[in-house]
């Protein structure tokens, strides 16, 4: 029974350490902001690569130009996403940040 309790404590410590290591903070609102920005960047990169593939059929020059334009659009969009995340999180309480982080990270209701 003692081994089971020790194992359970170890698992809980690891589960608590992973988010802290990932976000380098224990502040739920900062964690939520970083998660929202990360998700936005992933979506932007996915859309950008799909656009490059679609333009690639028009030749190398079109693909190069699309890549350059895409890089600028990615940077601007990522900046906007960071601003939106900041504004969204700024209006939230710590409890709301925890609930929203849970929904964003695990897709469930708290």
N, C-alpha and C. Protein backbone atom coordinates (compact mmCIF):
# COMPACT_ATOMS: atom_id res chain seq x y z
N UNK A 1 0.82 -1.19 0.00
CA UNK A 1 0.00 0.00 0.00
C UNK A 1 0.87 1.26 0.00
N UNK A 2 1.99 1.20 0.74
CA UNK A 2 2.89 2.35 0.79
C UNK A 2 3.51 2.61 -0.59
N UNK A 3 3.83 1.54 -1.30
CA UNK A 3 4.40 1.69 -2.63
C UNK A 3 3.41 2.34 -3.58
N UNK A 4 2.16 1.96 -3.46
CA UNK A 4 1.12 2.55 -4.30
C UNK A 4 0.96 4.04 -4.00
N UNK A 5 1.00 4.40 -2.73
CA UNK A 5 0.88 5.81 -2.33
C UNK A 5 2.07 6.61 -2.85
N UNK A 6 3.28 6.04 -2.75
CA UNK A 6 4.47 6.72 -3.26
C UNK A 6 4.39 6.89 -4.76
N UNK A 7 3.92 5.87 -5.44
CA UNK A 7 3.77 5.94 -6.89
C UNK A 7 2.75 7.01 -7.28
N UNK A 8 1.66 7.08 -6.55
CA UNK A 8 0.63 8.08 -6.81
C UNK A 8 1.18 9.49 -6.60
N UNK A 9 1.95 9.69 -5.54
CA UNK A 9 2.56 11.00 -5.28
C UNK A 9 3.54 11.35 -6.40
N UNK A 10 4.33 10.39 -6.84
CA UNK A 10 5.28 10.62 -7.93
C UNK A 10 4.56 11.02 -9.21
N UNK A 11 3.49 10.33 -9.52
CA UNK A 11 2.71 10.66 -10.72
C UNK A 11 2.14 12.07 -10.61
N UNK A 12 1.63 12.45 -9.47
CA UNK A 12 1.09 13.79 -9.28
C UNK A 12 2.17 14.86 -9.41
N UNK A 13 3.35 14.58 -8.89
CA UNK A 13 4.46 15.53 -9.00
C UNK A 13 4.85 15.71 -10.47
N UNK A 14 4.92 14.61 -11.20
CA UNK A 14 5.27 14.68 -12.62
C UNK A 14 4.20 15.45 -13.39
N UNK A 15 2.93 15.17 -13.11
CA UNK A 15 1.85 15.87 -13.79
C UNK A 15 1.88 17.36 -13.50
N UNK A 16 2.28 17.75 -12.32
CA UNK A 16 2.38 19.16 -11.98
C UNK A 16 3.63 19.79 -12.59
N UNK A 17 4.69 19.02 -12.73
CA UNK A 17 5.95 19.56 -13.25
C UNK A 17 5.93 19.79 -14.75
N UNK A 18 5.19 19.00 -15.49
CA UNK A 18 5.17 19.12 -16.94
C UNK A 18 4.66 20.49 -17.39
N UNK A 19 3.52 20.97 -16.92
CA UNK A 19 3.09 22.32 -17.35
C UNK A 19 4.05 23.41 -16.92
N UNK A 20 4.62 23.29 -15.73
CA UNK A 20 5.56 24.31 -15.25
C UNK A 20 6.79 24.32 -16.15
N UNK A 21 7.30 23.16 -16.51
CA UNK A 21 8.46 23.09 -17.39
C UNK A 21 8.11 23.60 -18.78
N UNK A 22 6.92 23.28 -19.25
CA UNK A 22 6.52 23.69 -20.59
C UNK A 22 6.34 25.20 -20.69
N UNK A 23 5.71 25.81 -19.71
CA UNK A 23 5.40 27.23 -19.78
C UNK A 23 6.35 28.08 -18.94
N UNK A 24 7.17 27.46 -18.10
CA UNK A 24 8.12 28.14 -17.22
C UNK A 24 7.43 29.12 -16.26
N UNK A 25 6.24 28.81 -15.89
CA UNK A 25 5.50 29.64 -14.95
C UNK A 25 4.38 28.81 -14.34
N UNK A 26 3.88 29.23 -13.21
CA UNK A 26 2.74 28.55 -12.61
C UNK A 26 1.52 29.47 -12.66
N UNK A 27 1.64 30.59 -13.34
CA UNK A 27 0.52 31.51 -13.45
C UNK A 27 -0.43 31.02 -14.55
N UNK A 28 -1.64 30.65 -14.18
CA UNK A 28 -2.57 30.09 -15.17
C UNK A 28 -2.85 31.04 -16.34
N UNK A 29 -2.95 32.33 -16.08
CA UNK A 29 -3.25 33.27 -17.17
C UNK A 29 -2.08 33.38 -18.15
N UNK A 30 -0.87 33.33 -17.65
CA UNK A 30 0.30 33.33 -18.55
C UNK A 30 0.36 32.04 -19.34
N UNK A 31 0.05 30.95 -18.69
CA UNK A 31 0.03 29.65 -19.37
C UNK A 31 -1.03 29.65 -20.46
N UNK A 32 -2.21 30.20 -20.17
CA UNK A 32 -3.29 30.25 -21.15
C UNK A 32 -2.88 31.10 -22.34
N UNK A 33 -2.29 32.25 -22.08
CA UNK A 33 -1.86 33.13 -23.17
C UNK A 33 -0.88 32.41 -24.08
N UNK A 34 0.11 31.75 -23.50
CA UNK A 34 1.10 31.04 -24.30
C UNK A 34 0.46 29.90 -25.09
N UNK A 35 -0.50 29.22 -24.49
CA UNK A 35 -1.19 28.14 -25.19
C UNK A 35 -1.99 28.68 -26.38
N UNK A 36 -2.68 29.79 -26.19
CA UNK A 36 -3.46 30.39 -27.27
C UNK A 36 -2.56 30.83 -28.42
N UNK A 37 -1.43 31.44 -28.09
CA UNK A 37 -0.48 31.87 -29.12
C UNK A 37 0.10 30.66 -29.84
N UNK A 38 0.42 29.62 -29.10
CA UNK A 38 0.98 28.40 -29.70
C UNK A 38 -0.01 27.78 -30.68
N UNK A 39 -1.27 27.70 -30.28
CA UNK A 39 -2.30 27.13 -31.15
C UNK A 39 -2.50 27.98 -32.40
N UNK A 40 -2.48 29.29 -32.24
CA UNK A 40 -2.63 30.18 -33.39
C UNK A 40 -1.47 30.01 -34.36
N UNK A 41 -0.26 29.93 -33.83
CA UNK A 41 0.92 29.74 -34.69
C UNK A 41 0.84 28.41 -35.46
N UNK A 42 0.38 27.37 -34.80
CA UNK A 42 0.24 26.07 -35.47
C UNK A 42 -0.75 26.15 -36.61
N UNK A 43 -1.88 26.82 -36.38
CA UNK A 43 -2.90 26.97 -37.43
C UNK A 43 -2.36 27.81 -38.59
N UNK A 44 -1.63 28.86 -38.27
CA UNK A 44 -1.05 29.74 -39.30
C UNK A 44 -0.06 28.96 -40.15
N UNK A 45 0.80 28.19 -39.50
CA UNK A 45 1.80 27.41 -40.24
C UNK A 45 1.13 26.36 -41.13
N UNK A 46 0.07 25.74 -40.62
CA UNK A 46 -0.64 24.74 -41.41
C UNK A 46 -1.27 25.38 -42.65
N UNK A 47 -1.94 26.51 -42.46
CA UNK A 47 -2.57 27.20 -43.59
C UNK A 47 -1.52 27.69 -44.59
N UNK A 48 -0.40 28.18 -44.09
CA UNK A 48 0.66 28.67 -44.96
C UNK A 48 1.25 27.55 -45.81
N UNK A 49 1.48 26.40 -45.21
CA UNK A 49 2.04 25.29 -45.99
C UNK A 49 1.04 24.78 -47.02
N UNK A 50 -0.24 24.81 -46.70
CA UNK A 50 -1.25 24.41 -47.67
C UNK A 50 -1.29 25.40 -48.84
N UNK A 51 -1.15 26.68 -48.54
CA UNK A 51 -1.14 27.70 -49.60
C UNK A 51 0.09 27.53 -50.49
N UNK A 52 1.24 27.26 -49.88
CA UNK A 52 2.46 27.07 -50.68
C UNK A 52 2.33 25.87 -51.60
N UNK A 53 1.71 24.81 -51.10
CA UNK A 53 1.50 23.62 -51.94
C UNK A 53 0.59 23.94 -53.11
N UNK A 54 -0.47 24.70 -52.85
CA UNK A 54 -1.41 25.04 -53.91
C UNK A 54 -0.75 25.93 -54.96
N UNK A 55 0.08 26.87 -54.53
CA UNK A 55 0.74 27.78 -55.45
C UNK A 55 1.88 27.08 -56.18
N UNK A 56 2.42 26.04 -55.58
CA UNK A 56 3.54 25.32 -56.16
C UNK A 56 3.27 24.79 -57.55
N UNK A 57 2.03 24.57 -57.88
CA UNK A 57 1.69 24.05 -59.20
C UNK A 57 1.91 25.08 -60.32
N UNK A 58 2.10 26.35 -59.94
CA UNK A 58 2.30 27.40 -60.94
C UNK A 58 3.78 27.65 -61.24
N UNK A 59 4.65 26.88 -60.64
CA UNK A 59 6.06 26.99 -60.95
C UNK A 59 6.89 27.46 -59.77
N UNK A 60 8.21 27.40 -59.99
CA UNK A 60 9.16 27.74 -58.93
C UNK A 60 9.09 29.20 -58.50
N UNK A 61 8.97 30.09 -59.47
CA UNK A 61 8.95 31.52 -59.17
C UNK A 61 7.72 31.87 -58.33
N UNK A 62 6.58 31.32 -58.71
CA UNK A 62 5.35 31.58 -57.94
C UNK A 62 5.47 31.01 -56.53
N UNK A 63 6.10 29.86 -56.42
CA UNK A 63 6.29 29.24 -55.11
C UNK A 63 7.22 30.08 -54.23
N UNK A 64 8.28 30.63 -54.83
CA UNK A 64 9.21 31.48 -54.08
C UNK A 64 8.52 32.74 -53.59
N UNK A 65 7.77 33.39 -54.47
CA UNK A 65 7.06 34.61 -54.09
C UNK A 65 6.02 34.29 -53.02
N UNK A 66 5.31 33.20 -53.18
CA UNK A 66 4.31 32.80 -52.18
C UNK A 66 4.96 32.54 -50.84
N UNK A 67 6.16 31.95 -50.85
CA UNK A 67 6.88 31.70 -49.60
C UNK A 67 7.27 32.99 -48.90
N UNK A 68 7.74 33.97 -49.67
CA UNK A 68 8.13 35.25 -49.09
C UNK A 68 6.92 36.00 -48.53
N UNK A 69 5.84 36.03 -49.31
CA UNK A 69 4.62 36.69 -48.84
C UNK A 69 4.05 35.94 -47.64
N UNK A 70 4.08 34.63 -47.70
CA UNK A 70 3.58 33.81 -46.59
C UNK A 70 4.34 34.06 -45.30
N UNK A 71 5.65 34.25 -45.39
CA UNK A 71 6.45 34.50 -44.19
C UNK A 71 6.05 35.82 -43.54
N UNK A 72 5.83 36.83 -44.36
CA UNK A 72 5.41 38.13 -43.83
C UNK A 72 4.02 38.02 -43.20
N UNK A 73 3.11 37.36 -43.89
CA UNK A 73 1.75 37.19 -43.38
C UNK A 73 1.76 36.39 -42.08
N UNK A 74 2.59 35.36 -42.00
CA UNK A 74 2.71 34.57 -40.77
C UNK A 74 3.15 35.43 -39.61
N UNK A 75 4.16 36.26 -39.83
CA UNK A 75 4.67 37.12 -38.75
C UNK A 75 3.61 38.10 -38.27
N UNK A 76 2.93 38.74 -39.22
CA UNK A 76 1.90 39.72 -38.85
C UNK A 76 0.75 39.03 -38.13
N UNK A 77 0.31 37.91 -38.65
CA UNK A 77 -0.81 37.18 -38.04
C UNK A 77 -0.45 36.67 -36.65
N UNK A 78 0.79 36.22 -36.48
CA UNK A 78 1.22 35.75 -35.16
C UNK A 78 1.23 36.91 -34.16
N UNK A 79 1.64 38.09 -34.61
CA UNK A 79 1.61 39.27 -33.74
C UNK A 79 0.20 39.64 -33.34
N UNK A 80 -0.71 39.57 -34.29
CA UNK A 80 -2.12 39.87 -34.00
C UNK A 80 -2.68 38.82 -33.03
N UNK A 81 -2.35 37.55 -33.26
CA UNK A 81 -2.84 36.49 -32.38
C UNK A 81 -2.33 36.69 -30.95
N UNK A 82 -1.08 37.12 -30.82
CA UNK A 82 -0.53 37.38 -29.48
C UNK A 82 -1.27 38.53 -28.81
N UNK A 83 -1.59 39.57 -29.56
CA UNK A 83 -2.34 40.70 -29.02
C UNK A 83 -3.74 40.30 -28.61
N UNK A 84 -4.40 39.49 -29.43
CA UNK A 84 -5.75 39.02 -29.10
C UNK A 84 -5.72 38.15 -27.85
N UNK A 85 -4.73 37.27 -27.75
CA UNK A 85 -4.61 36.41 -26.57
C UNK A 85 -4.38 37.25 -25.32
N UNK A 86 -3.53 38.27 -25.43
CA UNK A 86 -3.25 39.16 -24.30
C UNK A 86 -4.53 39.87 -23.85
N UNK A 87 -5.27 40.40 -24.81
CA UNK A 87 -6.51 41.11 -24.47
C UNK A 87 -7.55 40.17 -23.86
N UNK A 88 -7.63 38.98 -24.40
CA UNK A 88 -8.60 38.00 -23.90
C UNK A 88 -8.28 37.59 -22.47
N UNK A 89 -7.02 37.30 -22.20
CA UNK A 89 -6.60 36.82 -20.88
C UNK A 89 -6.65 37.96 -19.85
N UNK A 90 -6.40 39.17 -20.30
CA UNK A 90 -6.39 40.32 -19.39
C UNK A 90 -7.73 40.51 -18.68
N UNK A 91 -8.82 40.16 -19.35
CA UNK A 91 -10.16 40.34 -18.78
C UNK A 91 -10.58 39.19 -17.88
N UNK A 92 -9.77 38.14 -17.79
CA UNK A 92 -10.17 36.93 -17.08
C UNK A 92 -9.58 36.89 -15.68
N UNK A 93 -10.34 36.24 -14.77
CA UNK A 93 -9.82 35.98 -13.43
C UNK A 93 -8.93 34.74 -13.50
N UNK A 94 -8.22 34.47 -12.43
CA UNK A 94 -7.35 33.29 -12.39
C UNK A 94 -8.17 32.02 -12.57
N UNK A 95 -9.33 31.96 -11.91
CA UNK A 95 -10.19 30.77 -12.05
C UNK A 95 -10.66 30.57 -13.47
N UNK A 96 -11.02 31.65 -14.13
CA UNK A 96 -11.46 31.56 -15.53
C UNK A 96 -10.30 31.12 -16.42
N UNK A 97 -9.11 31.61 -16.12
CA UNK A 97 -7.92 31.19 -16.88
C UNK A 97 -7.68 29.70 -16.74
N UNK A 98 -7.82 29.18 -15.52
CA UNK A 98 -7.62 27.75 -15.29
C UNK A 98 -8.64 26.94 -16.09
N UNK A 99 -9.90 27.35 -16.03
CA UNK A 99 -10.94 26.63 -16.76
C UNK A 99 -10.70 26.67 -18.27
N UNK A 100 -10.36 27.84 -18.78
CA UNK A 100 -10.14 27.98 -20.21
C UNK A 100 -8.89 27.22 -20.65
N UNK A 101 -7.84 27.24 -19.83
CA UNK A 101 -6.63 26.49 -20.15
C UNK A 101 -6.93 25.00 -20.22
N UNK A 102 -7.74 24.54 -19.29
CA UNK A 102 -8.12 23.12 -19.29
C UNK A 102 -8.86 22.78 -20.58
N UNK A 103 -9.81 23.64 -20.97
CA UNK A 103 -10.57 23.40 -22.20
C UNK A 103 -9.66 23.43 -23.42
N UNK A 104 -8.75 24.39 -23.48
CA UNK A 104 -7.85 24.51 -24.63
C UNK A 104 -6.88 23.34 -24.71
N UNK A 105 -6.37 22.93 -23.57
CA UNK A 105 -5.34 21.90 -23.54
C UNK A 105 -5.92 20.49 -23.68
N UNK A 106 -7.03 20.25 -23.01
CA UNK A 106 -7.56 18.89 -22.95
C UNK A 106 -8.92 18.74 -23.63
N UNK A 107 -9.51 19.84 -24.05
CA UNK A 107 -10.77 19.77 -24.78
C UNK A 107 -11.97 19.37 -23.96
N UNK A 108 -11.85 19.43 -22.64
CA UNK A 108 -12.95 19.03 -21.78
C UNK A 108 -13.44 20.18 -20.94
N UNK A 109 -14.53 19.98 -20.28
CA UNK A 109 -15.08 20.98 -19.37
C UNK A 109 -14.54 20.72 -17.98
N UNK A 110 -14.28 21.79 -17.24
CA UNK A 110 -13.79 21.59 -15.88
C UNK A 110 -14.94 21.55 -14.91
